[in-house]
C-alpha atoms as a PDB file:
ATOM      1  CA  GLY A   1     -51.085 -25.047 -24.852  1.00  0.00           C
ATOM      2  CA  SER A   2     -52.263 -28.809 -24.336  1.00  0.00           C
ATOM      3  CA  PRO A   3     -51.827 -31.381 -21.366  1.00  0.00           C
ATOM      4  CA  LEU A   4     -49.301 -33.065 -23.787  1.00  0.00           C
ATOM      5  CA  VAL A   5     -47.061 -29.923 -24.427  1.00  0.00           C
ATOM      6  CA  HIS A   6     -45.846 -30.490 -20.387  1.00  0.00           C
ATOM      7  CA  ALA A   7     -45.609 -33.668 -20.475  1.00  0.00           C
ATOM      8  CA  LEU A   8     -43.102 -33.949 -16.910  1.00  0.00           C
ATOM      9  CA  SER A   9     -40.333 -35.083 -18.212  1.00  0.00           C
ATOM     10  CA  ARG A  10     -37.219 -33.569 -19.387  1.00  0.00           C
ATOM     11  CA  THR A  11     -37.229 -34.456 -22.572  1.00  0.00           C
ATOM     12  CA  SER A  12     -40.441 -33.354 -23.969  1.00  0.00           C
ATOM     13  CA  SER A  13     -39.615 -29.775 -21.634  1.00  0.00           C
ATOM     14  CA  ARG A  14     -36.605 -29.320 -23.880  1.00  0.00           C
ATOM     15  CA  SER A  15     -38.833 -30.099 -26.385  1.00  0.00           C
ATOM     16  CA  THR A  16     -41.241 -28.232 -25.708  1.00  0.00           C
ATOM     17  CA  VAL A  17     -38.716 -25.104 -24.695  1.00  0.00           C
ATOM     18  CA  HIS A  18     -37.427 -25.609 -28.464  1.00  0.00           C
ATOM     19  CA  SER A  19     -41.427 -25.151 -30.144  1.00  0.00           C
ATOM     20  CA  LEU A  20     -41.542 -22.000 -27.503  1.00  0.00           C
ATOM     21  CA  ILE A  21     -38.563 -20.582 -29.092  1.00  0.00           C
ATOM     22  CA  GLU A  22     -39.484 -21.153 -32.637  1.00  0.00           C
ATOM     23  CA  SER A  23     -43.144 -19.577 -31.977  1.00  0.00           C
ATOM     24  CA  ALA A  24     -40.846 -16.419 -31.512  1.00  0.00           C
ATOM     25  CA  GLY A  25     -38.690 -16.621 -34.240  1.00  0.00           C
ATOM     26  CA  VAL A  26     -35.433 -16.532 -32.134  1.00  0.00           C
ATOM     27  CA  GLY A  27     -33.686 -20.323 -32.785  1.00  0.00           C
ATOM     28  CA  SER A  28     -32.367 -22.363 -30.242  1.00  0.00           C
ATOM     29  CA  PRO A  29     -31.741 -21.323 -27.169  1.00  0.00           C
ATOM     30  CA  PRO A  30     -27.365 -21.789 -26.577  1.00  0.00           C
ATOM     31  CA  GLY A  31     -28.642 -22.331 -22.423  1.00  0.00           C
ATOM     32  CA  LEU A  32     -28.824 -25.319 -23.821  1.00  0.00           C
ATOM     33  CA  HIS A  33     -26.323 -26.773 -26.235  1.00  0.00           C
ATOM     34  CA  ALA A  34     -23.653 -23.667 -24.883  1.00  0.00           C
ATOM     35  CA  PRO A  35     -20.124 -25.448 -23.647  1.00  0.00           C
ATOM     36  CA  SER A  36     -20.180 -23.315 -20.756  1.00  0.00           C
ATOM     37  CA  ASP A  37     -23.468 -23.967 -19.718  1.00  0.00           C
ATOM     38  CA  THR A  38     -24.518 -23.762 -16.124  1.00  0.00           C
ATOM     39  CA  THR A  39     -28.113 -25.943 -15.219  1.00  0.00           C
ATOM     40  CA  VAL A  40     -29.268 -25.605 -11.794  1.00  0.00           C
ATOM     41  CA  GLU A  41     -32.121 -27.904 -10.555  1.00  0.00           C
ATOM     42  CA  ILE A  42     -33.999 -27.774  -7.410  1.00  0.00           C
ATOM     43  CA  LEU A  43     -36.203 -31.493  -6.093  1.00  0.00           C
ATOM     44  CA  MET A  44     -38.457 -31.218  -3.810  1.00  0.00           C
ATOM     45  CA  THR A  45     -41.225 -33.610  -1.684  1.00  0.00           C
ATOM     46  CA  GLY A  46     -43.508 -33.250   0.564  1.00  0.00           C
ATOM     47  CA  LEU A  47     -45.168 -30.216   0.013  1.00  0.00           C
ATOM     48  CA  ASP A  48     -47.184 -27.336   1.734  1.00  0.00           C
ATOM     49  CA  PRO A  49     -50.453 -29.109   1.618  1.00  0.00           C
ATOM     50  CA  ASP A  50     -52.071 -25.154   2.224  1.00  0.00           C
ATOM     51  CA  ARG A  51     -50.136 -23.692  -0.897  1.00  0.00           C
ATOM     52  CA  MET A  52     -51.141 -26.416  -2.849  1.00  0.00           C
ATOM     53  CA  GLN A  53     -54.497 -25.752  -3.123  1.00  0.00           C
ATOM     54  CA  ALA A  54     -53.792 -22.919  -5.416  1.00  0.00           C
ATOM     55  CA  MET A  55     -52.116 -26.272  -8.220  1.00  0.00           C
ATOM     56  CA  TYR A  56     -56.141 -27.948  -7.899  1.00  0.00           C
ATOM     57  CA  MET A  57     -58.773 -26.907 -10.814  1.00  0.00           C
ATOM     58  CA  GLY A  58     -60.721 -23.603  -8.455  1.00  0.00           C
ATOM     59  CA  GLY A  59     -57.834 -22.859  -6.005  1.00  0.00           C
ATOM     60  CA  ALA A  60     -55.286 -20.073  -7.779  1.00  0.00           C
ATOM     61  CA  SER A  61     -58.479 -20.373 -10.739  1.00  0.00           C
ATOM     62  CA  SER A  62     -61.802 -22.765 -11.943  1.00  0.00           C
ATOM     63  CA  LEU A  63     -59.762 -22.604 -15.775  1.00  0.00           C
ATOM     64  CA  GLU A  64     -58.060 -25.589 -17.149  1.00  0.00           C
ATOM     65  CA  GLY A  65     -55.500 -24.608 -19.475  1.00  0.00           C
ATOM     66  CA  SER A  66     -53.198 -21.268 -20.011  1.00  0.00           C
ATOM     67  CA  LEU A  67     -55.006 -18.511 -17.959  1.00  0.00           C
ATOM     68  CA  GLY A  68     -55.719 -21.186 -15.171  1.00  0.00           C
ATOM     69  CA  GLY A  69     -51.671 -21.591 -15.184  1.00  0.00           C
ATOM     70  CA  LYS A  70     -50.612 -17.571 -15.215  1.00  0.00           C
ATOM     71  CA  ALA A  71     -52.753 -18.084 -12.476  1.00  0.00           C
ATOM     72  CA  VAL A  72     -50.502 -19.256 -10.767  1.00  0.00           C
ATOM     73  CA  GLU A  73     -48.313 -18.103 -11.289  1.00  0.00           C
ATOM     74  CA  ARG A  74     -49.288 -14.951  -9.706  1.00  0.00           C
ATOM     75  CA  ALA A  75     -51.194 -16.183  -6.865  1.00  0.00           C
ATOM     76  CA  THR A  76     -47.837 -18.351  -5.967  1.00  0.00           C
ATOM     77  CA  GLY A  77     -44.947 -15.866  -6.237  1.00  0.00           C
ATOM     78  CA  ILE A  78     -43.550 -17.993  -9.347  1.00  0.00           C
ATOM     79  CA  ALA A  79     -44.167 -14.610 -11.745  1.00  0.00           C
ATOM     80  CA  SER A  80     -42.035 -13.176  -9.219  1.00  0.00           C
ATOM     81  CA  ILE A  81     -38.576 -15.489  -9.004  1.00  0.00           C
ATOM     82  CA  TYR A  82     -38.091 -14.946 -13.143  1.00  0.00           C
ATOM     83  CA  PRO A  83     -40.354 -11.226 -13.741  1.00  0.00           C
ATOM     84  CA  ASP A  84     -38.979 -10.527 -16.571  1.00  0.00           C
ATOM     85  CA  SER A  85     -39.068 -13.969 -18.467  1.00  0.00           C
ATOM     86  CA  ALA A  86     -41.490 -15.761 -21.380  1.00  0.00           C
ATOM     87  CA  SER A  87     -43.812 -17.737 -19.934  1.00  0.00           C
ATOM     88  CA  ASP A  88     -45.809 -20.962 -21.195  1.00  0.00           C
ATOM     89  CA  SER A  89     -48.114 -22.312 -18.061  1.00  0.00           C
ATOM     90  CA  TYR A  90     -51.088 -24.524 -17.802  1.00  0.00           C
ATOM     91  CA  LEU A  91     -53.165 -25.805 -14.797  1.00  0.00           C
ATOM     92  CA  PHE A  92     -54.094 -29.444 -14.884  1.00  0.00           C
ATOM     93  CA  THR A  93     -58.252 -30.729 -14.150  1.00  0.00           C
ATOM     94  CA  PRO A  94     -58.633 -31.827 -10.775  1.00  0.00           C
ATOM     95  CA  CYS A  95     -54.763 -30.597 -10.166  1.00  0.00           C
ATOM     96  CA  GLY A  96     -50.862 -30.395 -11.194  1.00  0.00           C
ATOM     97  CA  PHE A  97     -48.875 -27.854 -13.056  1.00  0.00           C
ATOM     98  CA  SER A  98     -46.391 -27.210 -15.663  1.00  0.00           C
ATOM     99  CA  LEU A  99     -44.197 -24.748 -16.876  1.00  0.00           C
ATOM    100  CA  ASN A 100     -41.936 -23.625 -19.564  1.00  0.00           C
ATOM    101  CA  GLY A 101     -39.494 -20.582 -19.241  1.00  0.00           C
ATOM    102  CA  LEU A 102     -37.660 -18.501 -21.415  1.00  0.00           C
ATOM    103  CA  GLN A 103     -34.789 -15.341 -20.508  1.00  0.00           C
ATOM    104  CA  GLY A 104     -32.010 -14.267 -22.568  1.00  0.00           C
ATOM    105  CA  ASP A 105     -30.562 -17.059 -23.403  1.00  0.00           C
ATOM    106  CA  GLY A 106     -31.450 -19.606 -20.680  1.00  0.00           C
ATOM    107  CA  TYR A 107     -34.879 -21.798 -19.879  1.00  0.00           C
ATOM    108  CA  TYR A 108     -36.688 -22.741 -17.126  1.00  0.00           C
ATOM    109  CA  THR A 109     -38.825 -24.941 -16.547  1.00  0.00           C
ATOM    110  CA  ILE A 110     -41.152 -26.396 -13.559  1.00  0.00           C
ATOM    111  CA  HIS A 111     -43.780 -29.699 -12.929  1.00  0.00           C
ATOM    112  CA  VAL A 112     -46.188 -30.033 -10.071  1.00  0.00           C
ATOM    113  CA  THR A 113     -47.348 -32.642  -8.086  1.00  0.00           C
ATOM    114  CA  PRO A 114     -49.512 -31.586  -5.633  1.00  0.00           C
ATOM    115  CA  GLU A 115     -52.298 -34.466  -3.524  1.00  0.00           C
ATOM    116  CA  PRO A 116     -50.633 -34.925  -0.545  1.00  0.00           C
ATOM    117  CA  HIS A 117     -49.352 -38.623  -0.604  1.00  0.00           C
ATOM    118  CA  CYS A 118     -46.646 -37.546  -3.626  1.00  0.00           C
ATOM    119  CA  SER A 119     -46.217 -34.884  -3.926  1.00  0.00           C
ATOM    120  CA  TYR A 120     -43.234 -34.182  -5.760  1.00  0.00           C
ATOM    121  CA  ALA A 121     -42.224 -30.791  -7.494  1.00  0.00           C
ATOM    122  CA  SER A 122     -39.596 -30.159 -10.184  1.00  0.00           C
ATOM    123  CA  PHE A 123     -37.524 -26.486 -11.129  1.00  0.00           C
ATOM    124  CA  GLU A 124     -34.727 -26.389 -13.289  1.00  0.00           C
ATOM    125  CA  THR A 125     -33.196 -23.750 -14.401  1.00  0.00           C
ATOM    126  CA  THR A 126     -30.464 -22.398 -16.362  1.00  0.00           C
ATOM    127  CA  VAL A 127     -31.069 -18.658 -17.138  1.00  0.00           C
ATOM    128  CA  SER A 128     -28.461 -16.471 -15.227  1.00  0.00           C
ATOM    129  CA  GLY A 129     -26.693 -12.740 -15.375  1.00  0.00           C
ATOM    130  CA  ASP A 130     -28.413  -9.607 -16.038  1.00  0.00           C
ATOM    131  CA  SER A 131     -31.942  -8.934 -14.490  1.00  0.00           C
ATOM    132  CA  ALA A 132     -31.762 -12.525 -13.497  1.00  0.00           C
ATOM    133  CA  ILE A 133     -30.182 -14.514 -10.414  1.00  0.00           C
ATOM    134  CA  ASP A 134     -26.096 -15.408 -11.304  1.00  0.00           C
ATOM    135  CA  LEU A 135     -26.429 -18.772 -11.489  1.00  0.00           C
ATOM    136  CA  SER A 136     -22.321 -18.958 -10.819  1.00  0.00           C
ATOM    137  CA  SER A 137     -22.286 -17.366  -7.402  1.00  0.00           C
ATOM    138  CA  ALA A 138     -23.270 -19.616  -4.345  1.00  0.00           C
ATOM    139  CA  ALA A 139     -25.360 -16.728  -2.902  1.00  0.00           C
ATOM    140  CA  GLY A 140     -27.428 -16.876  -6.108  1.00  0.00           C
ATOM    141  CA  VAL A 141     -27.913 -20.211  -6.374  1.00  0.00           C
ATOM    142  CA  LYS A 142     -29.005 -19.705  -2.925  1.00  0.00           C
ATOM    143  CA  SER A 143     -30.558 -16.813  -3.197  1.00  0.00           C
ATOM    144  CA  LEU A 144     -32.950 -18.525  -5.622  1.00  0.00           C
ATOM    145  CA  VAL A 145     -33.503 -21.743  -3.533  1.00  0.00           C
ATOM    146  CA  GLU A 146     -35.002 -19.517  -1.078  1.00  0.00           C
ATOM    147  CA  GLN A 147     -37.219 -18.613  -3.341  1.00  0.00           C
ATOM    148  CA  VAL A 148     -38.367 -21.317  -5.053  1.00  0.00           C
ATOM    149  CA  THR A 149     -39.000 -23.191  -1.575  1.00  0.00           C
ATOM    150  CA  ALA A 150     -40.696 -20.707  -0.177  1.00  0.00           C
ATOM    151  CA  VAL A 151     -43.424 -21.244  -3.619  1.00  0.00           C
ATOM    152  CA  PHE A 152     -44.193 -24.994  -2.013  1.00  0.00           C
ATOM    153  CA  GLY A 153     -42.647 -25.088   1.252  1.00  0.00           C
ATOM    154  CA  PRO A 154     -41.120 -28.765   0.542  1.00  0.00           C
ATOM    155  CA  ARG A 155     -40.107 -31.371   3.633  1.00  0.00           C
ATOM    156  CA  SER A 156     -37.036 -32.583   1.821  1.00  0.00           C
ATOM    157  CA  VAL A 157     -34.754 -30.766  -1.514  1.00  0.00           C
ATOM    158  CA  THR A 158     -32.578 -31.908  -3.288  1.00  0.00           C
ATOM    159  CA  VAL A 159     -30.599 -28.743  -5.251  1.00  0.00           C
ATOM    160  CA  THR A 160     -27.875 -30.138  -8.156  1.00  0.00           C
ATOM    161  CA  VAL A 161     -25.384 -27.907 -10.350  1.00  0.00           C
ATOM    162  CA  PHE A 162     -24.223 -28.492 -13.614  1.00  0.00           C
ATOM    163  CA  ARG A 163     -21.711 -26.687 -14.881  1.00  0.00           C
ATOM    164  CA  ALA A 164     -19.150 -27.732 -18.273  1.00  0.00           C
ATOM    165  CA  ARG A 165     -15.625 -27.658 -17.306  1.00  0.00           C
ATOM    166  CA  GLY A 166     -13.009 -25.136 -18.745  1.00  0.00           C
ATOM    167  CA  ASP A 167     -10.137 -25.477 -20.697  1.00  0.00           C
ATOM    168  CA  THR A 168      -7.876 -26.813 -18.205  1.00  0.00           C
ATOM    169  CA  ALA A 169     -10.364 -30.594 -18.776  1.00  0.00           C
ATOM    170  CA  ALA A 170      -8.565 -32.374 -20.737  1.00  0.00           C
ATOM    171  CA  ALA A 171      -5.168 -31.853 -19.432  1.00  0.00           C
ATOM    172  CA  LEU A 172      -6.989 -33.040 -16.169  1.00  0.00           C
ATOM    173  CA  ALA A 173      -8.860 -35.902 -17.748  1.00  0.00           C
ATOM    174  CA  GLY A 174      -5.141 -37.149 -19.015  1.00  0.00           C
ATOM    175  CA  SER A 175      -3.466 -36.766 -16.298  1.00  0.00           C
ATOM    176  CA  GLU A 176      -7.019 -38.480 -14.494  1.00  0.00           C
ATOM    177  CA  LEU A 177      -6.413 -41.767 -16.738  1.00  0.00           C
ATOM    178  CA  SER A 178      -2.282 -41.841 -15.485  1.00  0.00           C
ATOM    179  CA  VAL A 179      -3.215 -42.480 -12.066  1.00  0.00           C
ATOM    180  CA  GLU A 180      -5.544 -45.006 -12.704  1.00  0.00           C
ATOM    181  CA  VAL A 181      -3.509 -46.653 -14.990  1.00  0.00           C
ATOM    182  CA  ASP A 182      -0.806 -46.596 -12.383  1.00  0.00           C
ATOM    183  CA  GLY A 183      -3.096 -48.043  -9.626  1.00  0.00           C
ATOM    184  CA  VAL A 184      -3.568 -45.367  -7.449  1.00  0.00           C
ATOM    185  CA  GLY A 185      -6.820 -44.808  -5.605  1.00  0.00           C
ATOM    186  CA  LYS A 186      -9.637 -41.652  -6.514  1.00  0.00           C
ATOM    187  CA  ASP A 187      -9.111 -40.186  -2.777  1.00  0.00           C
ATOM    188  CA  SER A 188      -4.774 -41.011  -3.350  1.00  0.00           C
ATOM    189  CA  ALA A 189      -3.132 -37.696  -3.580  1.00  0.00           C
ATOM    190  CA  VAL A 190      -2.107 -37.051  -6.951  1.00  0.00           C
ATOM    191  CA  ALA A 191      -5.996 -36.819  -7.726  1.00  0.00           C
ATOM    192  CA  LYS A 192      -6.952 -34.310  -5.101  1.00  0.00           C
ATOM    193  CA  ALA A 193      -3.923 -32.116  -6.306  1.00  0.00           C
ATOM    194  CA  ALA A 194      -6.134 -32.191  -9.254  1.00  0.00           C
ATOM    195  CA  LEU A 195      -9.105 -31.061  -8.041  1.00  0.00           C
ATOM    196  CA  GLN A 196      -7.091 -28.270  -6.684  1.00  0.00           C
ATOM    197  CA  SER A 197      -5.612 -27.602  -9.906  1.00  0.00           C
ATOM    198  CA  ALA A 198      -8.972 -27.772 -10.943  1.00  0.00           C
ATOM    199  CA  ILE A 199      -9.769 -25.128  -8.326  1.00  0.00           C
ATOM    200  CA  THR A 200      -6.874 -22.656  -9.205  1.00  0.00           C
ATOM    201  CA  SER A 201      -6.868 -22.818 -12.506  1.00  0.00           C
ATOM    202  CA  GLY A 202     -10.905 -20.803 -13.340  1.00  0.00           C
ATOM    203  CA  ASP A 203     -11.833 -25.226 -15.091  1.00  0.00           C
ATOM    204  CA  ASN A 204     -15.466 -24.007 -14.106  1.00  0.00           C
ATOM    205  CA  VAL A 205     -15.741 -25.421 -10.453  1.00  0.00           C
ATOM    206  CA  PRO A 206     -19.048 -25.180  -8.796  1.00  0.00           C
ATOM    207  CA  PRO A 207     -19.496 -22.658  -5.839  1.00  0.00           C
ATOM    208  CA  ALA A 208     -19.851 -24.497  -2.356  1.00  0.00           C
ATOM    209  CA  PHE A 209     -23.451 -24.470  -1.775  1.00  0.00           C
ATOM    210  CA  ALA A 210     -24.987 -22.077   1.095  1.00  0.00           C
ATOM    211  CA  PRO A 211     -27.071 -22.609   3.873  1.00  0.00           C
ATOM    212  CA  VAL A 212     -30.138 -22.803   2.867  1.00  0.00           C
ATOM    213  CA  ALA A 213     -33.144 -20.101   5.764  1.00  0.00           C
ATOM    214  CA  GLY A 214     -35.282 -22.630   6.606  1.00  0.00           C
ATOM    215  CA  TYR A 215     -33.186 -25.424   6.051  1.00  0.00           C
ATOM    216  CA  LYS A 216     -31.010 -28.158   8.072  1.00  0.00           C
ATOM    217  CA  THR A 217     -28.467 -29.429   5.043  1.00  0.00           C
ATOM    218  CA  ILE A 218     -27.692 -33.033   4.897  1.00  0.00           C
ATOM    219  CA  ASP A 219     -25.939 -33.439   2.282  1.00  0.00           C
ATOM    220  CA  ARG A 220     -22.893 -32.402   0.416  1.00  0.00           C
ATOM    221  CA  VAL A 221     -20.497 -34.009  -2.503  1.00  0.00           C
ATOM    222  CA  LEU A 222     -18.760 -32.104  -5.804  1.00  0.00           C
ATOM    223  CA  TYR A 223     -18.035 -34.802  -7.784  1.00  0.00           C
ATOM    224  CA  GLU A 224     -16.122 -34.941 -11.438  1.00  0.00           C
ATOM    225  CA  PHE A 225     -16.403 -36.321 -14.887  1.00  0.00           C
ATOM    226  CA  ASP A 226     -15.162 -36.170 -17.526  1.00  0.00           C
ATOM    227  CA  HIS A 227     -17.003 -33.100 -19.338  1.00  0.00           C
ATOM    228  CA  TYR A 228     -18.486 -31.542 -16.099  1.00  0.00           C
ATOM    229  CA  TRP A 229     -18.482 -30.730 -11.917  1.00  0.00           C
ATOM    230  CA  LEU A 230     -22.018 -30.950 -10.449  1.00  0.00           C
ATOM    231  CA  ARG A 231     -22.459 -30.326  -7.390  1.00  0.00           C
ATOM    232  CA  TYR A 232     -25.507 -32.452  -4.932  1.00  0.00           C
ATOM    233  CA  ALA A 233     -26.818 -30.937  -1.304  1.00  0.00           C
ATOM    234  CA  TYR A 234     -29.906 -32.395   0.059  1.00  0.00           C
ATOM    235  CA  TYR A 235     -32.193 -30.317   3.112  1.00  0.00           C
ATOM    236  CA  ALA A 236     -34.799 -30.983   5.390  1.00  0.00           C
ATOM    237  CA  LYS A 237     -36.346 -28.459   6.618  1.00  0.00           C
ATOM    238  CA  ALA A 238     -35.829 -27.625  10.472  1.00  0.00           C
ATOM    239  CA  ASN A 239     -39.048 -27.641  12.361  1.00  0.00           C
END
């Protein structure tokens, strides 16, 4: 890998995943475009300075690049999140870490800026089921968030769960359109009934968030869009 390969953006991350798959000769991952895709993002700030020492050159490793990246994975516990995955990670000079990984038909990416004045880490994944954490359940998302926060020790955490809508989406979108045309507000009984219909009809609504150990819940929101659902939660460290 190279620093260019591990640029800190979602577009380049997904491009890197495609490159990693092509080099392995297994084609494009369904997780990048499958209509049933669930994507979880965990965005963290105020990272624990002691834990972030591993993300500096001379911390977990004095070797820049992939060898240093593997040392960081082992030293921090990142390697235990998806132990059956194939990963390509990179330790930067003087600090910083990036990882792109594959398991089954899913991918995951991690990017870390460890400097105390602007510390930030992002974790994005579509890996779910089999030997991995089940992203379709509240318990699975809770387990993932707790594993990731144990690695980074952030003061604040934002979690989003994106999920493509099911077969009822088109009908519901049509009813919502008529509600808007008729001048009925989004918070009306009709709109609430449409949401309840989506939940009871199996329209892939992401499960409600469960409490996260060591953090207090500040905000939780469920957003409905034409083609996907978005659950959002914001947590702050309890102590």
